[in-house]
Amino acid sequence: DAYQGRESDLVILSMVRNNLTFETGFLDQFRMNVSLSRAHRMLIVVGCFKMFERRAADPRPGEEFVHRLIDEFRAYVVPAHEFLPEAAQ
C-alpha cells in the first residue's frame, strides 16, 4: 500500500503464499493494479503459481481478476528448478 504513486525500473513482487485453503490473503484487484504497474523495465513476480491457478479456478466475488492474471502470466512462468537448479534438490 505504501508504494502507491511510486515507480522503479525493476520491481520484485513477492506473492509467496501456499496454503491448503488456497487463500490469497489481502490480495485484491486494486493492490494488484498498484503492484503490477510500478515497474518501468522489468517486473519479477515470485510465488506459487499452482496455488494461484487453483484459486483462479474457483474465484470468490471480486476475485475474477485472478483468473485473468493467471492467463496473462502463464506464458512467462519459469519453474523454480529451472531458474535455480539448486532449488530442485
N, C-alpha and C. Protein backbone atom coordinates (compact mmCIF):
# COMPACT_ATOMS: atom_id res chain seq x y z
N ASP A 1 0.81 -1.21 0.00
CA ASP A 1 0.00 0.00 0.00
C ASP A 1 0.85 1.26 0.00
N ALA A 2 1.99 1.22 0.67
CA ALA A 2 2.85 2.39 0.77
C ALA A 2 3.54 2.72 -0.54
N TYR A 3 3.52 1.80 -1.50
CA TYR A 3 4.22 2.02 -2.77
C TYR A 3 3.36 2.75 -3.79
N GLN A 4 2.10 2.95 -3.50
CA GLN A 4 1.20 3.61 -4.44
C GLN A 4 1.72 4.99 -4.79
N GLY A 5 1.76 5.28 -6.10
CA GLY A 5 2.23 6.58 -6.57
C GLY A 5 3.71 6.61 -6.89
N ARG A 6 4.46 5.55 -6.55
CA ARG A 6 5.89 5.49 -6.83
C ARG A 6 6.15 4.47 -7.92
N GLU A 7 7.32 4.59 -8.59
CA GLU A 7 7.70 3.66 -9.65
C GLU A 7 9.18 3.35 -9.54
N SER A 8 9.60 2.25 -10.17
CA SER A 8 11.01 1.85 -10.20
C SER A 8 11.29 1.16 -11.52
N ASP A 9 12.58 1.11 -11.92
CA ASP A 9 12.95 0.38 -13.13
C ASP A 9 12.67 -1.11 -12.97
N LEU A 10 13.00 -1.66 -11.80
CA LEU A 10 12.81 -3.08 -11.51
C LEU A 10 11.96 -3.23 -10.26
N VAL A 11 10.94 -4.06 -10.35
CA VAL A 11 10.10 -4.36 -9.18
C VAL A 11 10.08 -5.88 -9.02
N ILE A 12 10.39 -6.35 -7.81
CA ILE A 12 10.26 -7.76 -7.48
C ILE A 12 9.08 -7.87 -6.53
N LEU A 13 8.06 -8.57 -6.99
CA LEU A 13 6.82 -8.70 -6.23
C LEU A 13 6.75 -10.08 -5.62
N SER A 14 6.74 -10.15 -4.31
CA SER A 14 6.65 -11.43 -3.61
C SER A 14 5.18 -11.79 -3.40
N MET A 15 4.79 -12.87 -4.04
CA MET A 15 3.43 -13.40 -3.88
C MET A 15 3.53 -14.79 -3.28
N VAL A 16 4.58 -14.98 -2.50
CA VAL A 16 4.84 -16.29 -1.92
C VAL A 16 3.76 -16.58 -0.90
N ARG A 17 2.90 -17.47 -1.29
CA ARG A 17 1.78 -17.87 -0.44
C ARG A 17 1.37 -19.25 -0.91
N ASN A 18 1.29 -20.19 -0.01
CA ASN A 18 0.94 -21.54 -0.38
C ASN A 18 0.27 -22.19 0.82
N ASN A 19 -1.02 -22.39 0.73
CA ASN A 19 -1.74 -22.98 1.85
C ASN A 19 -2.84 -23.91 1.35
N LEU A 20 -3.33 -24.75 2.22
CA LEU A 20 -4.30 -25.78 1.83
C LEU A 20 -5.66 -25.22 1.45
N THR A 21 -5.99 -24.02 1.90
CA THR A 21 -7.29 -23.43 1.58
C THR A 21 -7.22 -22.50 0.37
N PHE A 22 -6.02 -22.36 -0.20
CA PHE A 22 -5.80 -21.51 -1.38
C PHE A 22 -6.22 -20.07 -1.14
N GLU A 23 -6.06 -19.61 0.08
CA GLU A 23 -6.39 -18.23 0.42
C GLU A 23 -5.32 -17.30 -0.14
N THR A 24 -5.75 -16.21 -0.74
CA THR A 24 -4.82 -15.25 -1.32
C THR A 24 -4.54 -14.08 -0.38
N GLY A 25 -5.04 -14.16 0.84
CA GLY A 25 -4.76 -13.11 1.82
C GLY A 25 -5.42 -11.80 1.46
N PHE A 26 -4.66 -10.72 1.56
CA PHE A 26 -5.21 -9.39 1.33
C PHE A 26 -5.17 -8.97 -0.13
N LEU A 27 -4.95 -9.91 -1.03
CA LEU A 27 -4.88 -9.61 -2.45
C LEU A 27 -6.24 -9.15 -2.96
N ASP A 28 -6.25 -8.02 -3.63
CA ASP A 28 -7.46 -7.58 -4.32
C ASP A 28 -7.04 -6.87 -5.60
N GLN A 29 -8.00 -6.56 -6.45
CA GLN A 29 -7.65 -6.00 -7.75
C GLN A 29 -6.97 -4.64 -7.66
N PHE A 30 -7.24 -3.87 -6.64
CA PHE A 30 -6.62 -2.56 -6.51
C PHE A 30 -5.15 -2.69 -6.10
N ARG A 31 -4.87 -3.57 -5.16
CA ARG A 31 -3.48 -3.82 -4.76
C ARG A 31 -2.69 -4.44 -5.92
N MET A 32 -3.33 -5.35 -6.67
CA MET A 32 -2.66 -5.94 -7.81
C MET A 32 -2.36 -4.89 -8.87
N ASN A 33 -3.27 -3.97 -9.10
CA ASN A 33 -3.03 -2.90 -10.06
C ASN A 33 -1.80 -2.09 -9.68
N VAL A 34 -1.71 -1.72 -8.42
CA VAL A 34 -0.54 -0.97 -7.95
C VAL A 34 0.71 -1.81 -8.10
N SER A 35 0.66 -3.06 -7.68
CA SER A 35 1.83 -3.94 -7.71
C SER A 35 2.34 -4.17 -9.12
N LEU A 36 1.44 -4.40 -10.05
CA LEU A 36 1.84 -4.78 -11.41
C LEU A 36 2.14 -3.60 -12.32
N SER A 37 1.86 -2.40 -11.89
CA SER A 37 2.05 -1.24 -12.77
C SER A 37 3.16 -0.30 -12.30
N ARG A 38 4.01 -0.72 -11.40
CA ARG A 38 5.05 0.16 -10.86
C ARG A 38 6.40 0.00 -11.54
N ALA A 39 6.59 -1.03 -12.36
CA ALA A 39 7.89 -1.29 -12.98
C ALA A 39 7.99 -0.62 -14.35
N HIS A 40 9.10 0.12 -14.55
CA HIS A 40 9.35 0.74 -15.85
C HIS A 40 9.90 -0.27 -16.85
N ARG A 41 10.84 -1.13 -16.39
CA ARG A 41 11.53 -2.04 -17.31
C ARG A 41 11.26 -3.51 -17.06
N MET A 42 11.23 -3.92 -15.80
CA MET A 42 11.07 -5.34 -15.52
C MET A 42 10.30 -5.57 -14.24
N LEU A 43 9.39 -6.52 -14.31
CA LEU A 43 8.61 -6.95 -13.15
C LEU A 43 8.88 -8.44 -12.96
N ILE A 44 9.33 -8.81 -11.78
CA ILE A 44 9.55 -10.21 -11.44
C ILE A 44 8.56 -10.55 -10.33
N VAL A 45 7.73 -11.55 -10.58
CA VAL A 45 6.75 -11.99 -9.59
C VAL A 45 7.20 -13.36 -9.10
N VAL A 46 7.37 -13.48 -7.78
CA VAL A 46 7.78 -14.73 -7.17
C VAL A 46 6.59 -15.28 -6.40
N GLY A 47 6.24 -16.53 -6.66
CA GLY A 47 5.11 -17.11 -5.94
C GLY A 47 4.84 -18.53 -6.36
N CYS A 48 3.85 -19.12 -5.77
CA CYS A 48 3.43 -20.49 -6.08
C CYS A 48 2.33 -20.42 -7.14
N PHE A 49 2.73 -20.63 -8.38
CA PHE A 49 1.80 -20.49 -9.49
C PHE A 49 0.63 -21.47 -9.37
N LYS A 50 0.91 -22.70 -8.95
CA LYS A 50 -0.16 -23.70 -8.82
C LYS A 50 -1.23 -23.26 -7.82
N MET A 51 -0.80 -22.62 -6.74
CA MET A 51 -1.76 -22.16 -5.75
C MET A 51 -2.70 -21.11 -6.36
N PHE A 52 -2.14 -20.19 -7.14
CA PHE A 52 -2.97 -19.16 -7.76
C PHE A 52 -3.82 -19.73 -8.89
N GLU A 53 -3.32 -20.75 -9.60
CA GLU A 53 -4.14 -21.42 -10.61
C GLU A 53 -5.38 -22.05 -9.96
N ARG A 54 -5.19 -22.71 -8.84
CA ARG A 54 -6.31 -23.33 -8.15
C ARG A 54 -7.30 -22.28 -7.66
N ARG A 55 -6.77 -21.18 -7.17
CA ARG A 55 -7.64 -20.10 -6.69
C ARG A 55 -8.43 -19.50 -7.84
N ALA A 56 -7.80 -19.34 -8.99
CA ALA A 56 -8.47 -18.76 -10.15
C ALA A 56 -9.57 -19.67 -10.67
N ALA A 57 -9.45 -20.97 -10.45
CA ALA A 57 -10.46 -21.91 -10.92
C ALA A 57 -11.76 -21.78 -10.14
N ASP A 58 -11.70 -21.23 -8.94
CA ASP A 58 -12.89 -21.08 -8.10
C ASP A 58 -12.85 -19.71 -7.42
N PRO A 59 -12.95 -18.63 -8.23
CA PRO A 59 -12.82 -17.29 -7.64
C PRO A 59 -14.01 -16.91 -6.78
N ARG A 60 -13.74 -16.13 -5.77
CA ARG A 60 -14.80 -15.56 -4.94
C ARG A 60 -15.23 -14.25 -5.59
N PRO A 61 -16.38 -13.72 -5.21
CA PRO A 61 -16.81 -12.45 -5.79
C PRO A 61 -15.72 -11.39 -5.65
N GLY A 62 -15.42 -10.71 -6.74
CA GLY A 62 -14.39 -9.68 -6.73
C GLY A 62 -13.01 -10.21 -7.05
N GLU A 63 -12.85 -11.53 -7.21
CA GLU A 63 -11.54 -12.11 -7.49
C GLU A 63 -11.42 -12.61 -8.93
N GLU A 64 -12.34 -12.26 -9.79
CA GLU A 64 -12.29 -12.71 -11.17
C GLU A 64 -11.00 -12.28 -11.85
N PHE A 65 -10.41 -11.20 -11.39
CA PHE A 65 -9.17 -10.69 -11.97
C PHE A 65 -8.03 -11.70 -11.81
N VAL A 66 -8.08 -12.55 -10.78
CA VAL A 66 -7.02 -13.54 -10.57
C VAL A 66 -6.97 -14.49 -11.77
N HIS A 67 -8.12 -14.87 -12.28
CA HIS A 67 -8.17 -15.76 -13.45
C HIS A 67 -7.53 -15.08 -14.66
N ARG A 68 -7.82 -13.81 -14.87
CA ARG A 68 -7.22 -13.08 -15.99
C ARG A 68 -5.71 -12.97 -15.83
N LEU A 69 -5.25 -12.73 -14.61
CA LEU A 69 -3.81 -12.63 -14.38
C LEU A 69 -3.11 -13.96 -14.65
N ILE A 70 -3.71 -15.05 -14.23
CA ILE A 70 -3.13 -16.37 -14.47
C ILE A 70 -2.98 -16.60 -15.97
N ASP A 71 -3.99 -16.27 -16.75
CA ASP A 71 -3.91 -16.43 -18.20
C ASP A 71 -2.80 -15.58 -18.79
N GLU A 72 -2.64 -14.36 -18.30
CA GLU A 72 -1.60 -13.46 -18.81
C GLU A 72 -0.20 -13.93 -18.45
N PHE A 73 -0.03 -14.40 -17.22
CA PHE A 73 1.30 -14.79 -16.74
C PHE A 73 1.74 -16.17 -17.19
N ARG A 74 0.83 -17.02 -17.59
CA ARG A 74 1.14 -18.41 -17.91
C ARG A 74 2.33 -18.54 -18.87
N ALA A 75 2.41 -17.70 -19.86
CA ALA A 75 3.49 -17.78 -20.85
C ALA A 75 4.85 -17.41 -20.29
N TYR A 76 4.89 -16.77 -19.16
CA TYR A 76 6.15 -16.29 -18.61
C TYR A 76 6.60 -17.04 -17.37
N VAL A 77 5.92 -18.10 -17.02
CA VAL A 77 6.25 -18.84 -15.80
C VAL A 77 7.55 -19.62 -16.00
N VAL A 78 8.45 -19.45 -15.05
CA VAL A 78 9.70 -20.21 -15.02
C VAL A 78 9.70 -21.01 -13.73
N PRO A 79 9.62 -22.35 -13.81
CA PRO A 79 9.63 -23.16 -12.60
C PRO A 79 10.91 -22.94 -11.79
N ALA A 80 10.79 -23.04 -10.48
CA ALA A 80 11.92 -22.78 -9.59
C ALA A 80 13.12 -23.63 -9.94
N HIS A 81 12.92 -24.91 -10.29
CA HIS A 81 14.06 -25.78 -10.58
C HIS A 81 14.80 -25.38 -11.86
N GLU A 82 14.16 -24.64 -12.75
CA GLU A 82 14.84 -24.13 -13.94
C GLU A 82 15.56 -22.83 -13.65
N PHE A 83 14.96 -22.00 -12.84
CA PHE A 83 15.55 -20.71 -12.50
C PHE A 83 16.70 -20.87 -11.52
N LEU A 84 16.52 -21.72 -10.53
CA LEU A 84 17.54 -22.01 -9.51
C LEU A 84 17.69 -23.52 -9.41
N PRO A 85 18.61 -24.11 -10.17
CA PRO A 85 18.76 -25.57 -10.16
C PRO A 85 18.92 -26.17 -8.77
N GLU A 86 19.55 -25.43 -7.86
CA GLU A 86 19.74 -25.96 -6.50
C GLU A 86 18.42 -26.06 -5.74
N ALA A 87 17.38 -25.40 -6.21
CA ALA A 87 16.07 -25.48 -5.56
C ALA A 87 15.40 -26.83 -5.80
N ALA A 88 15.86 -27.55 -6.82
CA ALA A 88 15.27 -28.85 -7.14
C ALA A 88 15.73 -29.94 -6.19
N GLN A 89 16.75 -29.66 -5.43
CA GLN A 89 17.31 -30.69 -4.53
C GLN A 89 16.53 -30.80 -3.25
